[in-house]
């Protein structure tokens, strides 16, 4: 089979996405481009990222696989009933997504949205397009090819026993951050995002390069928070960054 190019959490950083895609070699008909999810929040242009990623299957010679991240998962849930635990905390970057989709200024202060805009943001159906939510809801939660398994966050399991994505619960694939997984997973190569590389075992403070431990490869290098956006090519394990 051809090569697989895996891109980590974009988090609304459209400029970084544009630079990274321009840096990749030509994607041939035998190649696959895999996104690990978290397209929105924190960065300045969540709407632009979503529009770009949704168009890529029509613009790319190879296959394009777009996985769901926990941020897409939370927006889908908040479309039905606003989740204050997700929408409220400033660090989740939801205010930037609201401003992006409503043509507002996404260069926000640390305080975030004023109260009137916060109330408007909580009425998610009034501003987040139904077509975008439908797209988010349909995103697969894992992918596998000859080279590796691809998930947003991790696997269902504990200790040294980790279930294949088809055999486990969905939530861990999107949300988990189990130290045992990072330290003890063995098996087929698995590429994940979600947990920033600087927070993974053995990583130095401020790390912004891909993290590798045997079969595990972490590529959330902090896009949307001032870090680069990273892609790893398999099977060569060549790294590209924005």
Protein backbone atom coordinates (compact mmCIF):
# COMPACT_ATOMS: atom_id res chain seq x y z
CA UNK A 1 0.00 0.00 0.00
CA UNK A 2 0.98 3.65 -0.24
CA UNK A 3 2.05 6.09 2.41
CA UNK A 4 -0.12 7.43 5.24
CA UNK A 5 0.26 11.05 6.36
CA UNK A 6 -1.19 11.67 9.83
CA UNK A 7 -1.98 15.20 11.02
CA UNK A 8 -2.49 16.05 14.69
CA UNK A 9 -4.89 18.40 16.46
CA UNK A 10 -5.37 21.57 14.37
CA UNK A 11 -7.44 23.55 16.92
CA UNK A 12 -8.52 26.37 14.66
CA UNK A 13 -5.03 27.23 13.43
CA UNK A 14 -5.79 27.65 9.71
CA UNK A 15 -2.45 29.37 8.93
CA UNK A 16 -0.55 26.42 10.41
CA UNK A 17 -2.72 23.96 8.48
CA UNK A 18 -2.05 25.80 5.22
CA UNK A 19 1.70 25.80 5.86
CA UNK A 20 1.75 22.12 6.78
CA UNK A 21 -0.27 20.99 3.77
CA UNK A 22 2.06 23.02 1.52
CA UNK A 23 5.07 21.27 3.10
CA UNK A 24 3.82 17.74 2.39
CA UNK A 25 5.00 15.85 -0.68
CA UNK A 26 2.49 15.12 -3.42
CA UNK A 27 -0.29 12.85 -2.15
CA UNK A 28 -0.70 10.12 -4.79
CA UNK A 29 -3.72 7.93 -5.43
CA UNK A 30 -2.16 5.20 -3.27
CA UNK A 31 -1.62 7.48 -0.27
CA UNK A 32 -3.92 8.36 2.62
CA UNK A 33 -4.21 11.59 4.60
CA UNK A 34 -5.51 11.03 8.15
CA UNK A 35 -6.61 13.78 10.54
CA UNK A 36 -6.81 12.86 14.23
CA UNK A 37 -9.62 15.33 15.08
CA UNK A 38 -9.96 18.53 17.12
CA UNK A 39 -10.32 20.86 14.16
CA UNK A 40 -11.89 23.66 16.20
CA UNK A 41 -11.39 25.82 19.33
CA UNK A 42 -8.52 27.98 20.63
CA UNK A 43 -7.04 29.06 17.29
CA UNK A 44 -8.14 32.08 15.26
CA UNK A 45 -10.03 30.40 12.41
CA UNK A 46 -12.02 27.31 13.35
CA UNK A 47 -14.51 27.94 10.56
CA UNK A 48 -11.69 28.16 8.01
CA UNK A 49 -10.17 24.90 9.24
CA UNK A 50 -13.49 23.09 8.98
CA UNK A 51 -14.09 24.45 5.49
CA UNK A 52 -10.58 23.46 4.37
CA UNK A 53 -10.75 19.94 5.80
CA UNK A 54 -14.23 19.31 4.39
CA UNK A 55 -13.01 20.26 0.89
CA UNK A 56 -9.86 18.14 0.95
CA UNK A 57 -11.44 14.87 -0.26
CA UNK A 58 -12.34 16.65 -3.52
CA UNK A 59 -8.89 18.24 -3.85
CA UNK A 60 -6.64 15.31 -2.92
CA UNK A 61 -5.63 12.44 -5.20
CA UNK A 62 -5.43 9.96 -2.33
CA UNK A 63 -7.93 9.04 0.36
CA UNK A 64 -8.75 11.50 3.17
CA UNK A 65 -9.83 10.22 6.60
CA UNK A 66 -11.12 12.76 9.11
CA UNK A 67 -11.54 11.38 12.63
CA UNK A 68 -13.64 12.92 15.38
CA UNK A 69 -11.91 14.56 18.33
CA UNK A 70 -13.28 15.23 21.78
CA UNK A 71 -13.92 18.88 20.85
CA UNK A 72 -16.16 17.85 17.93
CA UNK A 73 -17.81 15.33 20.25
CA UNK A 74 -18.55 18.08 22.76
CA UNK A 75 -19.93 20.47 20.14
CA UNK A 76 -22.27 17.76 18.83
CA UNK A 77 -23.54 17.20 22.37
CA UNK A 78 -23.86 20.94 22.98
CA UNK A 79 -25.95 21.32 19.84
CA UNK A 80 -28.63 19.30 21.63
CA UNK A 81 -28.07 20.68 25.14
CA UNK A 82 -25.35 23.22 25.97
CA UNK A 83 -22.60 21.65 28.08
CA UNK A 84 -21.42 24.40 30.43
CA UNK A 85 -18.56 22.20 31.58
CA UNK A 86 -17.19 22.36 28.05
CA UNK A 87 -18.43 25.73 26.81
CA UNK A 88 -17.60 27.71 29.95
CA UNK A 89 -13.90 27.13 30.71
CA UNK A 90 -11.73 29.71 28.97
CA UNK A 91 -8.99 27.17 28.23
CA UNK A 92 -11.22 25.12 25.93
CA UNK A 93 -11.20 27.95 23.39
CA UNK A 94 -14.89 27.77 22.55
CA UNK A 95 -15.19 31.57 22.49
CA UNK A 96 -12.80 31.71 19.54
CA UNK A 97 -14.95 29.19 17.68
CA UNK A 98 -18.08 31.25 18.35
CA UNK A 99 -16.41 34.42 17.09
CA UNK A 100 -15.01 32.58 14.06
CA UNK A 101 -18.43 31.37 12.95
CA UNK A 102 -20.09 34.74 13.66
CA UNK A 103 -17.43 36.87 11.90
CA UNK A 104 -16.23 38.38 15.16
CA UNK A 105 -12.74 39.26 16.37
CA UNK A 106 -11.03 36.03 17.47
CA UNK A 107 -8.14 37.90 19.13
CA UNK A 108 -9.76 37.65 22.55
CA UNK A 109 -8.48 38.73 25.94
CA UNK A 110 -7.94 36.29 28.76
CA UNK A 111 -11.40 37.10 30.09
CA UNK A 112 -13.09 35.82 26.95
CA UNK A 113 -16.57 36.83 25.85
CA UNK A 114 -18.70 39.52 27.50
CA UNK A 115 -21.85 38.21 29.15
CA UNK A 116 -24.21 39.01 26.29
CA UNK A 117 -22.03 37.11 23.80
CA UNK A 118 -21.59 34.22 26.23
CA UNK A 119 -25.37 33.88 26.39
CA UNK A 120 -25.52 33.93 22.59
CA UNK A 121 -22.79 31.29 22.34
CA UNK A 122 -24.75 28.96 24.61
CA UNK A 123 -27.58 29.03 22.05
CA UNK A 124 -25.43 26.83 19.81
CA UNK A 125 -28.16 26.10 17.27
CA UNK A 126 -28.49 29.80 16.49
CA UNK A 127 -24.97 30.17 15.05
CA UNK A 128 -23.21 26.81 14.48
CA UNK A 129 -24.39 25.60 11.05
CA UNK A 130 -26.44 22.41 11.06
CA UNK A 131 -24.34 21.13 8.14
CA UNK A 132 -21.18 21.43 10.23
CA UNK A 133 -22.76 19.59 13.16
CA UNK A 134 -23.98 16.87 10.79
CA UNK A 135 -20.42 16.53 9.47
CA UNK A 136 -18.99 16.35 12.99
CA UNK A 137 -21.54 13.75 14.04
CA UNK A 138 -20.67 11.51 11.08
CA UNK A 139 -16.90 11.56 11.67
CA UNK A 140 -15.47 8.10 12.44
CA UNK A 141 -13.74 7.58 15.79
CA UNK A 142 -10.89 5.35 14.61
CA UNK A 143 -9.11 4.15 11.50
CA UNK A 144 -6.64 1.38 10.74
CA UNK A 145 -4.46 0.42 7.80
CA UNK A 146 -1.40 -1.79 7.29
CA UNK A 147 0.85 0.80 8.92
CA UNK A 148 -0.95 1.67 12.15
CA UNK A 149 -4.10 2.27 14.19
CA UNK A 150 -5.24 5.90 14.40
CA UNK A 151 -7.35 7.38 17.22
CA UNK A 152 -7.80 10.82 18.70
CA UNK A 153 -6.93 10.05 22.31
CA UNK A 154 -6.24 6.41 23.22
CA UNK A 155 -7.84 3.03 23.78
CA UNK A 156 -10.28 1.38 26.16
CA UNK A 157 -8.52 -0.74 28.74
CA UNK A 158 -6.27 -0.61 31.79
CA UNK A 159 -2.85 -1.69 32.96
CA UNK A 160 -1.22 -3.54 30.10
CA UNK A 161 -4.45 -4.72 28.43
CA UNK A 162 -5.83 -2.37 25.77
CA UNK A 163 -8.73 -3.25 23.49
CA UNK A 164 -8.68 -2.80 19.76
CA UNK A 165 -10.95 0.17 18.87
CA UNK A 166 -13.56 -2.13 17.35
CA UNK A 167 -13.86 -4.04 20.65
CA UNK A 168 -13.90 -1.24 23.21
CA UNK A 169 -16.01 1.72 24.30
CA UNK A 170 -16.07 4.85 22.18
CA UNK A 171 -15.43 7.46 24.88
CA UNK A 172 -11.79 6.46 25.61
CA UNK A 173 -10.97 6.82 21.91
CA UNK A 174 -11.92 10.50 22.18
CA UNK A 175 -11.24 11.53 25.77
CA UNK A 176 -8.80 9.28 27.66
CA UNK A 177 -5.45 10.36 29.15
CA UNK A 178 -4.44 7.26 31.09
CA UNK A 179 -0.77 7.21 32.19
CA UNK A 180 -0.81 3.39 31.99
CA UNK A 181 -1.63 3.60 28.30
CA UNK A 182 1.21 5.97 27.50
CA UNK A 183 3.65 3.91 29.55
CA UNK A 184 2.52 0.36 28.85
CA UNK A 185 0.80 -0.02 25.48
CA UNK A 186 2.44 -2.64 23.29
CA UNK A 187 1.21 -3.88 19.94
CA UNK A 188 0.63 -2.47 16.51
CA UNK A 189 1.87 1.07 15.88
CA UNK A 190 -0.74 3.55 17.14
CA UNK A 191 -0.81 7.29 16.40
CA UNK A 192 -2.79 9.62 18.68
CA UNK A 193 -3.30 13.28 19.52
CA UNK A 194 -5.39 14.88 22.31
CA UNK A 195 -2.68 14.95 24.99
CA UNK A 196 0.00 17.52 24.29
CA UNK A 197 3.45 16.00 23.79
CA UNK A 198 4.83 18.15 26.62
CA UNK A 199 2.55 16.25 29.03
CA UNK A 200 3.55 12.73 27.93
CA UNK A 201 5.94 10.51 29.94
CA UNK A 202 9.56 11.57 29.77
CA UNK A 203 8.84 14.74 27.76
CA UNK A 204 10.67 17.88 28.69
CA UNK A 205 8.67 20.97 29.64
CA UNK A 206 7.65 22.95 26.59
CA UNK A 207 8.24 20.11 24.13
CA UNK A 208 6.75 20.80 20.69
CA UNK A 209 8.11 17.82 18.75
CA UNK A 210 6.39 14.49 18.11
CA UNK A 211 6.63 11.99 20.99
CA UNK A 212 7.57 8.38 20.24
CA UNK A 213 7.73 5.38 22.59
CA UNK A 214 8.07 2.16 20.64
CA UNK A 215 4.70 1.56 18.96
CA UNK A 216 3.10 4.75 20.34
CA UNK A 217 3.36 8.09 18.52
CA UNK A 218 1.85 11.28 19.95
CA UNK A 219 1.51 14.27 17.63
CA UNK A 220 -0.49 16.95 19.47
CA UNK A 221 2.30 19.52 19.42
CA UNK A 222 0.22 22.49 20.52
CA UNK A 223 -1.35 24.03 17.42
CA UNK A 224 -3.89 26.62 18.52
CA UNK A 225 -1.82 27.34 21.65
CA UNK A 226 1.26 28.74 19.98
CA UNK A 227 2.84 25.41 19.05
CA UNK A 228 3.33 23.94 15.57
CA UNK A 229 1.03 21.56 13.73
CA UNK A 230 2.69 18.20 13.09
CA UNK A 231 2.32 15.41 10.53
CA UNK A 232 4.02 12.03 10.55
CA UNK A 233 4.43 9.96 7.39
CA UNK A 234 4.19 6.18 7.71
CA UNK A 235 5.86 3.79 7.36
CA UNK A 236 8.99 5.98 7.15
CA UNK A 237 8.12 8.00 10.30
CA UNK A 238 9.22 11.17 8.50
CA UNK A 239 8.06 14.26 10.42
CA UNK A 240 6.67 17.44 8.85
CA UNK A 241 5.68 20.56 10.80
CA UNK A 242 4.08 23.91 10.10
